[in-house]
Amino acid sequence: MQNRFDKTCQHNYKIKILRNINELESIKNLWEEMISFCWHPHIDLDLYIATLTTRDEILRPHIIILFRNEKPTTLVIGRIEDIPLEIKFGYKTLLKPLVRSLTIVYGGIVGDTSYQCCKIIISRLMQSLSQHEADVVLFNHLKLDSDIYHFAKVKPNFFCRDTFHISNTHWSLALPPSYNEFLHTLSKNTRKNIRNYSNRLKRDFGQNLIIKHISSVEEIDTILSDNEEIAKKTYKRGMGVGFHINNEIRKWYEIGLKRSILNVYILYVNGQPVAFRKAFCFTDVFISYGTDYDPFYSNYRIGNFLLNYVIEDLYKKGTIKTIDFGFGDADYKRIYCNENWIESPVYIFAPTVKGIVINLMRGCTMHVSSIAQNILKKLNLYSKVKKRWRDQLRKNK
């Protein structure tokens, strides 16, 4: 930890910044206390350190602690990493210049997020850019109605500001008191489809249809290999996203299973894994952290079949009140969820030639891509083009 407080803060506020992984132990109690009411896998200290130590592109932590009257009020969890900043047109990557990013992890601003605190945090991050600590600050999604989003969008000058807005809906399901009550929140047609597709699966596969709930660290190799068997068949693999076996994933699984905060459900047909859903649990929140299914069985809607099983199982356990499905649109989220809000990734670019040029290239490309998407939507062609693009990615994986 720095020996001196940052002198750039105003009034009774001061800042300390941690830039060395060995310093994290000194704030362990503070960290755990501050995230206790807003826990998410990305801000869990053990999982954060696992990411730092397993990704080659990460250079160091970047932790900001904001104090008021000598008392810690706000924790900002970030890291410095060298990453390709992808500039895309639809699913097609046109350019990916390498940048040094000061990345603020998802949910990584905890504690006091008042107007004044957010203003100070953005000013300090911009100062890091001016001091050449990074080429860009990346916030991995912020709520649009938050003060931190407001300042990140308006405080930088025009050439360093993120002028493009990407809306991602974050979906959540507040569970009704009983499973039957949950089912009756769904439409009559949805309930009918649940019964029909479930009966169809059971009729066609019978005893060869098995669901396993795995929560033991001894079965980690089974989880990884079965998840990989499913993920490699999806369009996400063609995009280079989704589930991949690597050191970070293995470490996260080990930590999650040992601490009993990770739950993995796998659906098998004829002994072969065909769908999985995994989630991290903290207190009464079930944070869905990845799902995939074998597209060969898409006509059976096996993804929804597994989800229904998971929800019913959570009711039996009786400890979960909320299922957090994360951001990203999907038909099943619209059907099942009863809460949502809008989030967006936000960038702030360094006041350098490199930072400004990358910002201009990214902004222009994304605006053109957005115009093309809007035209396709007006012509009722967007869904068809999107599906065809995904099918092509699946074939080319």
Protein backbone atom coordinates (compact mmCIF):
# COMPACT_ATOMS: atom_id res chain seq x y z
CA MET A 1 0.00 0.00 0.00
CA GLN A 2 1.27 3.49 -0.71
CA ASN A 3 2.82 5.13 2.33
CA ARG A 4 1.12 8.44 1.65
CA PHE A 5 -2.43 9.32 0.86
CA ASP A 6 -3.19 10.62 -2.61
CA LYS A 7 -3.30 14.43 -2.40
CA THR A 8 -5.64 14.89 -5.35
CA CYS A 9 -8.84 14.27 -3.37
CA GLN A 10 -11.17 16.94 -2.13
CA HIS A 11 -12.44 18.01 1.28
CA ASN A 12 -12.23 15.15 3.78
CA TYR A 13 -11.57 12.45 1.15
CA LYS A 14 -8.26 10.67 0.63
CA ILE A 15 -7.16 7.77 -1.56
CA LYS A 16 -4.77 4.87 -1.28
CA ILE A 17 -3.87 2.59 -4.19
CA LEU A 18 -2.58 -0.97 -4.02
CA ARG A 19 -0.46 -2.05 -6.97
CA ASN A 20 1.15 -5.21 -5.62
CA ILE A 21 -0.52 -8.57 -5.06
CA ASN A 22 1.41 -9.06 -1.80
CA GLU A 23 -0.42 -6.05 -0.34
CA LEU A 24 -3.85 -7.64 -0.68
CA GLU A 25 -3.52 -9.69 2.50
CA SER A 26 -3.31 -6.47 4.51
CA ILE A 27 -6.84 -5.45 3.47
CA LYS A 28 -8.47 -8.89 3.55
CA ASN A 29 -10.80 -8.05 6.44
CA LEU A 30 -11.75 -4.70 4.91
CA TRP A 31 -12.36 -6.35 1.52
CA GLU A 32 -14.61 -9.06 2.93
CA GLU A 33 -16.56 -6.58 5.02
CA MET A 34 -17.18 -4.23 2.10
CA ILE A 35 -18.37 -6.90 -0.35
CA SER A 36 -20.54 -8.73 2.18
CA PHE A 37 -23.74 -7.08 0.95
CA CYS A 38 -22.96 -7.15 -2.77
CA TRP A 39 -21.02 -10.37 -3.31
CA HIS A 40 -20.29 -11.47 -6.86
CA PRO A 41 -17.70 -14.01 -8.10
CA HIS A 42 -15.59 -11.32 -9.76
CA ILE A 43 -15.12 -9.39 -6.52
CA ASP A 44 -14.56 -12.39 -4.25
CA LEU A 45 -10.98 -12.03 -2.99
CA ASP A 46 -9.96 -15.68 -3.54
CA LEU A 47 -11.39 -15.73 -7.06
CA TYR A 48 -9.91 -12.30 -7.86
CA ILE A 49 -6.44 -13.49 -6.83
CA ALA A 50 -6.93 -16.71 -8.83
CA THR A 51 -7.56 -14.60 -11.94
CA LEU A 52 -4.54 -12.39 -11.25
CA THR A 53 -2.21 -15.37 -10.91
CA THR A 54 -3.43 -17.47 -13.84
CA ARG A 55 -3.85 -14.98 -16.69
CA ASP A 56 -0.58 -14.17 -18.43
CA GLU A 57 -1.91 -10.85 -19.74
CA ILE A 58 -2.53 -9.44 -16.25
CA LEU A 59 0.40 -7.39 -14.97
CA ARG A 60 -0.78 -6.43 -11.50
CA PRO A 61 -3.75 -5.49 -9.31
CA HIS A 62 -5.04 -1.95 -9.17
CA ILE A 63 -7.10 -1.45 -6.01
CA ILE A 64 -8.39 1.98 -5.01
CA ILE A 65 -9.53 2.64 -1.44
CA LEU A 66 -11.38 5.89 -0.84
CA PHE A 67 -11.35 7.26 2.70
CA ARG A 68 -13.48 9.94 4.29
CA ASN A 69 -12.35 11.34 7.62
CA GLU A 70 -9.76 8.53 7.75
CA LYS A 71 -12.45 5.82 7.44
CA PRO A 72 -12.62 3.59 4.31
CA THR A 73 -15.83 4.24 2.40
CA THR A 74 -15.37 2.84 -1.11
CA LEU A 75 -13.40 -0.04 -2.63
CA VAL A 76 -12.61 -0.10 -6.37
CA ILE A 77 -11.41 -3.48 -7.62
CA GLY A 78 -9.40 -3.42 -10.82
CA ARG A 79 -6.33 -4.75 -12.57
CA ILE A 80 -3.77 -3.65 -15.15
CA GLU A 81 -3.63 -5.96 -18.16
CA ASP A 82 -2.47 -6.05 -21.78
CA ILE A 83 -5.46 -7.08 -23.90
CA PRO A 84 -6.65 -6.86 -27.50
CA LEU A 85 -9.44 -4.30 -27.78
CA GLU A 86 -11.74 -5.85 -30.36
CA ILE A 87 -13.35 -3.51 -32.87
CA LYS A 88 -16.27 -5.44 -34.36
CA PHE A 89 -18.86 -5.19 -37.07
CA GLY A 90 -21.59 -7.52 -35.86
CA TYR A 91 -19.85 -10.77 -34.93
CA LYS A 92 -16.92 -9.99 -37.26
CA THR A 93 -13.73 -8.67 -35.64
CA LEU A 94 -12.17 -6.04 -37.91
CA LEU A 95 -9.31 -4.89 -35.70
CA LYS A 96 -7.94 -5.77 -32.28
CA PRO A 97 -5.14 -3.40 -31.27
CA LEU A 98 -3.24 -4.36 -28.14
CA VAL A 99 -3.90 -1.92 -25.30
CA ARG A 100 -2.90 -1.62 -21.68
CA SER A 101 -6.20 -1.62 -19.84
CA LEU A 102 -7.06 -0.54 -16.31
CA THR A 103 -10.01 -2.90 -16.04
CA ILE A 104 -12.58 -2.44 -13.29
CA VAL A 105 -14.14 -5.87 -12.77
CA TYR A 106 -17.88 -6.43 -12.87
CA GLY A 107 -19.44 -5.18 -9.63
CA GLY A 108 -16.03 -3.85 -8.65
CA ILE A 109 -17.13 -0.55 -7.08
CA VAL A 110 -18.49 -1.30 -3.60
CA GLY A 111 -19.32 0.68 -0.52
CA ASP A 112 -20.29 4.35 -0.76
CA THR A 113 -21.16 5.10 -4.40
CA SER A 114 -22.60 8.55 -3.77
CA TYR A 115 -22.30 11.41 -6.25
CA GLN A 116 -19.20 12.88 -4.60
CA CYS A 117 -17.41 9.52 -4.25
CA CYS A 118 -18.03 8.59 -7.89
CA LYS A 119 -16.77 11.97 -9.06
CA ILE A 120 -13.52 11.47 -7.13
CA ILE A 121 -13.08 7.90 -8.41
CA ILE A 122 -13.46 8.92 -12.06
CA SER A 123 -11.02 11.80 -11.57
CA ARG A 124 -8.45 9.44 -10.06
CA LEU A 125 -8.83 6.91 -12.86
CA MET A 126 -8.39 9.65 -15.45
CA GLN A 127 -5.27 10.75 -13.60
CA SER A 128 -3.89 7.21 -13.98
CA LEU A 129 -4.43 7.51 -17.74
CA SER A 130 -2.65 10.88 -17.82
CA GLN A 131 0.24 9.31 -15.90
CA HIS A 132 0.52 6.59 -18.60
CA GLU A 133 -0.45 3.72 -16.33
CA ALA A 134 -2.84 2.52 -19.04
CA ASP A 135 -4.22 3.33 -22.49
CA VAL A 136 -7.82 2.83 -21.45
CA VAL A 137 -10.03 2.38 -18.41
CA LEU A 138 -12.63 -0.33 -18.95
CA PHE A 139 -15.68 -0.73 -16.74
CA ASN A 140 -17.14 -4.19 -17.24
CA HIS A 141 -20.75 -2.98 -17.32
CA LEU A 142 -22.30 -0.24 -15.21
CA LYS A 143 -25.93 0.49 -14.45
CA LEU A 144 -27.18 3.34 -16.60
CA ASP A 145 -28.85 5.07 -13.68
CA SER A 146 -25.68 5.07 -11.54
CA ASP A 147 -23.54 8.12 -10.75
CA ILE A 148 -20.38 6.26 -11.78
CA TYR A 149 -21.84 5.69 -15.25
CA HIS A 150 -22.79 9.37 -15.52
CA PHE A 151 -19.31 10.65 -14.66
CA ALA A 152 -17.55 8.05 -16.82
CA LYS A 153 -19.57 9.27 -19.82
CA VAL A 154 -19.43 13.04 -19.29
CA LYS A 155 -16.24 13.89 -17.37
CA PRO A 156 -13.61 12.91 -20.01
CA ASN A 157 -13.16 15.29 -22.94
CA PHE A 158 -14.83 14.42 -26.26
CA PHE A 159 -11.83 12.63 -27.77
CA CYS A 160 -11.31 10.42 -24.70
CA ARG A 161 -14.99 9.79 -23.99
CA ASP A 162 -16.89 6.62 -24.91
CA THR A 163 -19.44 8.05 -27.35
CA PHE A 164 -21.07 4.73 -28.16
CA HIS A 165 -23.69 3.16 -25.96
CA ILE A 166 -24.24 -0.60 -25.79
CA SER A 167 -27.38 -1.59 -23.91
CA ASN A 168 -27.34 -4.95 -22.18
CA THR A 169 -30.29 -6.04 -20.09
CA HIS A 170 -29.44 -7.68 -16.77
CA TRP A 171 -32.05 -10.27 -15.80
CA SER A 172 -33.08 -11.56 -12.41
CA LEU A 173 -35.76 -13.82 -10.95
CA ALA A 174 -37.08 -13.12 -7.46
CA LEU A 175 -38.48 -16.51 -6.53
CA PRO A 176 -42.10 -16.64 -5.33
CA PRO A 177 -42.74 -18.56 -2.07
CA SER A 178 -43.35 -21.94 -3.72
CA TYR A 179 -42.60 -23.77 -6.96
CA ASN A 180 -46.28 -23.94 -7.87
CA GLU A 181 -46.60 -20.20 -7.38
CA PHE A 182 -43.55 -19.71 -9.60
CA LEU A 183 -45.12 -21.83 -12.35
CA HIS A 184 -48.29 -19.74 -12.19
CA THR A 185 -46.29 -16.58 -12.84
CA LEU A 186 -45.54 -18.04 -16.26
CA SER A 187 -47.95 -17.81 -19.14
CA LYS A 188 -50.34 -20.65 -19.83
CA ASN A 189 -48.52 -21.36 -23.10
CA THR A 190 -45.13 -21.50 -21.32
CA ARG A 191 -46.44 -23.96 -18.74
CA LYS A 192 -47.86 -26.07 -21.55
CA ASN A 193 -44.51 -26.07 -23.36
CA ILE A 194 -42.68 -27.07 -20.17
CA ARG A 195 -44.96 -30.09 -19.78
CA ASN A 196 -44.89 -31.05 -23.46
CA TYR A 197 -41.14 -30.85 -23.98
CA SER A 198 -40.47 -32.55 -20.66
CA ASN A 199 -42.83 -35.41 -21.53
CA ARG A 200 -41.30 -35.68 -24.99
CA LEU A 201 -37.77 -35.97 -23.58
CA LYS A 202 -38.82 -38.56 -21.02
CA ARG A 203 -40.79 -40.51 -23.61
CA ASP A 204 -37.92 -40.62 -26.12
CA PHE A 205 -35.05 -41.27 -23.71
CA GLY A 206 -36.63 -42.60 -20.52
CA GLN A 207 -34.04 -43.96 -18.10
CA ASN A 208 -31.28 -42.75 -20.41
CA LEU A 209 -32.11 -39.19 -19.34
CA ILE A 210 -30.09 -38.26 -16.23
CA ILE A 211 -29.35 -34.98 -14.44
CA LYS A 212 -26.42 -34.75 -12.04
CA HIS A 213 -25.93 -31.99 -9.47
CA ILE A 214 -22.20 -31.88 -8.83
CA SER A 215 -20.78 -29.94 -5.90
CA SER A 216 -17.77 -32.06 -4.89
CA VAL A 217 -14.20 -31.02 -5.70
CA GLU A 218 -13.33 -34.70 -6.30
CA GLU A 219 -15.42 -34.53 -9.48
CA ILE A 220 -13.74 -31.47 -10.95
CA ASP A 221 -12.23 -33.38 -13.89
CA THR A 222 -15.66 -34.77 -14.78
CA ILE A 223 -17.17 -31.30 -14.68
CA LEU A 224 -14.46 -29.79 -16.87
CA SER A 225 -14.43 -32.56 -19.48
CA ASP A 226 -18.24 -32.74 -19.73
CA ASN A 227 -18.56 -28.95 -19.96
CA GLU A 228 -15.95 -28.94 -22.72
CA GLU A 229 -17.74 -31.73 -24.61
CA ILE A 230 -20.85 -29.55 -24.78
CA ALA A 231 -19.20 -26.14 -25.28
CA LYS A 232 -17.11 -27.20 -28.27
CA LYS A 233 -20.31 -27.83 -30.26
CA THR A 234 -21.79 -24.36 -29.78
CA TYR A 235 -21.62 -21.19 -31.88
CA LYS A 236 -19.88 -19.45 -28.96
CA ARG A 237 -16.79 -21.57 -29.60
CA GLY A 238 -16.71 -20.18 -33.13
CA MET A 239 -16.66 -16.69 -31.63
CA GLY A 240 -13.85 -17.63 -29.25
CA VAL A 241 -16.04 -17.02 -26.19
CA GLY A 242 -17.94 -19.14 -23.71
CA PHE A 243 -16.49 -22.05 -21.77
CA HIS A 244 -12.85 -23.05 -22.30
CA ILE A 245 -10.70 -25.21 -20.06
CA ASN A 246 -7.74 -23.21 -18.77
CA ASN A 247 -5.83 -22.65 -15.54
CA GLU A 248 -8.13 -19.86 -14.43
CA ILE A 249 -11.32 -21.91 -14.88
CA ARG A 250 -9.81 -24.90 -13.07
CA LYS A 251 -8.73 -22.68 -10.18
CA TRP A 252 -12.16 -21.04 -9.95
CA TYR A 253 -13.83 -24.45 -9.93
CA GLU A 254 -11.48 -25.73 -7.23
CA ILE A 255 -12.10 -22.71 -5.01
CA GLY A 256 -15.84 -22.72 -5.62
CA LEU A 257 -16.26 -26.43 -4.90
CA LYS A 258 -14.02 -26.42 -1.82
CA ARG A 259 -15.94 -23.48 -0.35
CA SER A 260 -19.30 -24.96 -1.42
CA ILE A 261 -20.24 -21.83 -3.36
CA LEU A 262 -20.23 -23.45 -6.82
CA ASN A 263 -23.00 -25.68 -8.09
CA VAL A 264 -22.92 -27.47 -11.46
CA TYR A 265 -25.87 -29.24 -13.07
CA ILE A 266 -25.24 -31.50 -16.08
CA LEU A 267 -27.86 -33.21 -18.24
CA TYR A 268 -26.91 -36.54 -19.85
CA VAL A 269 -28.66 -38.36 -22.68
CA ASN A 270 -27.57 -41.92 -23.40
CA GLY A 271 -24.56 -41.35 -21.16
CA GLN A 272 -23.39 -38.27 -23.07
CA PRO A 273 -23.36 -34.73 -21.60
CA VAL A 274 -25.75 -32.51 -23.58
CA ALA A 275 -26.39 -29.46 -21.35
CA PHE A 276 -24.88 -27.77 -18.32
CA ARG A 277 -25.65 -24.86 -16.02
CA LYS A 278 -23.30 -23.63 -13.33
CA ALA A 279 -23.81 -21.02 -10.64
CA PHE A 280 -22.08 -19.42 -7.68
CA CYS A 281 -24.17 -19.08 -4.53
CA PHE A 282 -23.78 -16.57 -1.73
CA THR A 283 -26.30 -16.32 1.10
CA ASP A 284 -29.65 -16.45 -0.74
CA VAL A 285 -28.56 -15.50 -4.28
CA PHE A 286 -27.95 -18.06 -7.05
CA ILE A 287 -25.69 -16.35 -9.60
CA SER A 288 -25.95 -18.21 -12.89
CA TYR A 289 -22.47 -18.20 -14.35
CA GLY A 290 -22.68 -20.07 -17.60
CA THR A 291 -24.87 -22.43 -19.54
CA ASP A 292 -24.65 -24.29 -22.84
CA TYR A 293 -26.37 -27.14 -24.62
CA ASP A 294 -25.68 -29.45 -27.53
CA PRO A 295 -27.45 -27.89 -30.56
CA PHE A 296 -28.29 -31.40 -31.83
CA TYR A 297 -31.01 -31.54 -29.16
CA SER A 298 -32.35 -28.02 -29.70
CA ASN A 299 -35.77 -29.31 -30.78
CA TYR A 300 -36.19 -30.75 -27.29
CA ARG A 301 -35.36 -27.41 -25.64
CA ILE A 302 -32.99 -29.19 -23.29
CA GLY A 303 -31.62 -25.91 -21.97
CA ASN A 304 -35.05 -24.95 -20.62
CA PHE A 305 -35.60 -28.51 -19.38
CA LEU A 306 -32.42 -28.33 -17.29
CA LEU A 307 -33.31 -24.84 -16.03
CA ASN A 308 -36.73 -26.01 -14.84
CA TYR A 309 -35.05 -28.86 -12.97
CA VAL A 310 -32.58 -26.44 -11.33
CA ILE A 311 -35.35 -24.07 -10.21
CA GLU A 312 -37.38 -26.92 -8.72
CA ASP A 313 -34.26 -28.25 -6.98
CA LEU A 314 -33.57 -24.82 -5.47
CA TYR A 315 -37.08 -24.78 -4.03
CA LYS A 316 -36.45 -28.17 -2.44
CA LYS A 317 -33.27 -26.89 -0.80
CA GLY A 318 -35.14 -23.80 0.39
CA THR A 319 -32.15 -21.46 0.74
CA ILE A 320 -32.31 -19.39 -2.45
CA LYS A 321 -34.52 -16.32 -2.90
CA THR A 322 -33.08 -14.84 -6.10
CA ILE A 323 -31.62 -16.24 -9.32
CA ASP A 324 -29.33 -13.75 -11.06
CA PHE A 325 -29.05 -14.60 -14.77
CA GLY A 326 -26.60 -11.82 -15.57
CA PHE A 327 -26.69 -9.56 -18.61
CA GLY A 328 -27.36 -10.57 -22.17
CA ASP A 329 -30.65 -11.11 -23.95
CA ALA A 330 -32.21 -14.55 -24.31
CA ASP A 331 -35.75 -15.74 -24.84
CA TYR A 332 -35.73 -17.89 -21.71
CA LYS A 333 -34.74 -14.89 -19.58
CA ARG A 334 -37.67 -12.88 -20.88
CA ILE A 335 -39.99 -15.78 -20.06
CA TYR A 336 -38.73 -16.62 -16.57
CA CYS A 337 -37.47 -13.36 -15.08
CA ASN A 338 -39.51 -10.77 -13.22
CA GLU A 339 -36.81 -8.12 -12.72
CA ASN A 340 -34.40 -6.42 -15.12
CA TRP A 341 -32.27 -3.30 -15.53
CA ILE A 342 -29.99 -1.87 -18.23
CA GLU A 343 -26.20 -1.98 -18.06
CA SER A 344 -23.45 -1.01 -20.47
CA PRO A 345 -19.68 -1.44 -20.74
CA VAL A 346 -17.92 1.93 -20.58
CA TYR A 347 -14.47 3.00 -21.77
CA ILE A 348 -12.35 6.04 -20.98
CA PHE A 349 -9.40 6.49 -23.32
CA ALA A 350 -6.04 8.04 -22.46
CA PRO A 351 -5.32 11.59 -23.71
CA THR A 352 -2.63 10.24 -26.06
CA VAL A 353 -2.42 9.75 -29.82
CA LYS A 354 -2.89 6.00 -29.38
CA GLY A 355 -5.87 6.37 -27.07
CA ILE A 356 -7.65 8.96 -29.22
CA VAL A 357 -7.08 7.10 -32.53
CA ILE A 358 -8.38 3.80 -31.10
CA ASN A 359 -11.42 5.58 -29.67
CA LEU A 360 -12.24 7.19 -33.02
CA MET A 361 -11.84 3.91 -34.94
CA ARG A 362 -13.97 2.02 -32.43
CA GLY A 363 -16.67 4.68 -32.30
CA CYS A 364 -17.02 5.00 -36.09
CA THR A 365 -17.15 1.23 -36.65
CA MET A 366 -19.70 0.62 -33.93
CA HIS A 367 -21.95 3.45 -35.11
CA VAL A 368 -21.98 2.00 -38.65
CA SER A 369 -22.67 -1.48 -37.22
CA SER A 370 -25.54 -0.06 -35.16
CA ILE A 371 -27.09 1.62 -38.21
CA ALA A 372 -26.88 -1.68 -40.14
CA GLN A 373 -28.57 -3.55 -37.27
CA ASN A 374 -31.39 -0.99 -37.10
CA ILE A 375 -32.00 -1.31 -40.85
CA LEU A 376 -32.16 -5.11 -40.59
CA LYS A 377 -34.59 -4.84 -37.67
CA LYS A 378 -36.90 -2.52 -39.63
CA LEU A 379 -36.85 -5.04 -42.50
CA ASN A 380 -37.53 -7.90 -40.04
CA LEU A 381 -34.29 -9.55 -41.15
CA TYR A 382 -32.15 -9.08 -38.04
CA SER A 383 -33.04 -12.36 -36.32
CA LYS A 384 -32.53 -14.34 -39.54
CA VAL A 385 -29.14 -12.77 -40.26
CA LYS A 386 -28.07 -13.25 -36.63
CA LYS A 387 -29.07 -16.93 -36.69
CA ARG A 388 -27.29 -17.52 -40.01
CA TRP A 389 -24.15 -15.83 -38.69
CA ARG A 390 -24.21 -18.00 -35.56
CA ASP A 391 -24.76 -21.16 -37.62
CA GLN A 392 -21.76 -20.24 -39.76
CA LEU A 393 -19.62 -19.66 -36.67
CA ARG A 394 -20.68 -23.07 -35.36
CA LYS A 395 -19.61 -24.73 -38.62
CA ASN A 396 -16.28 -22.89 -38.66
CA LYS A 397 -15.33 -23.58 -35.03
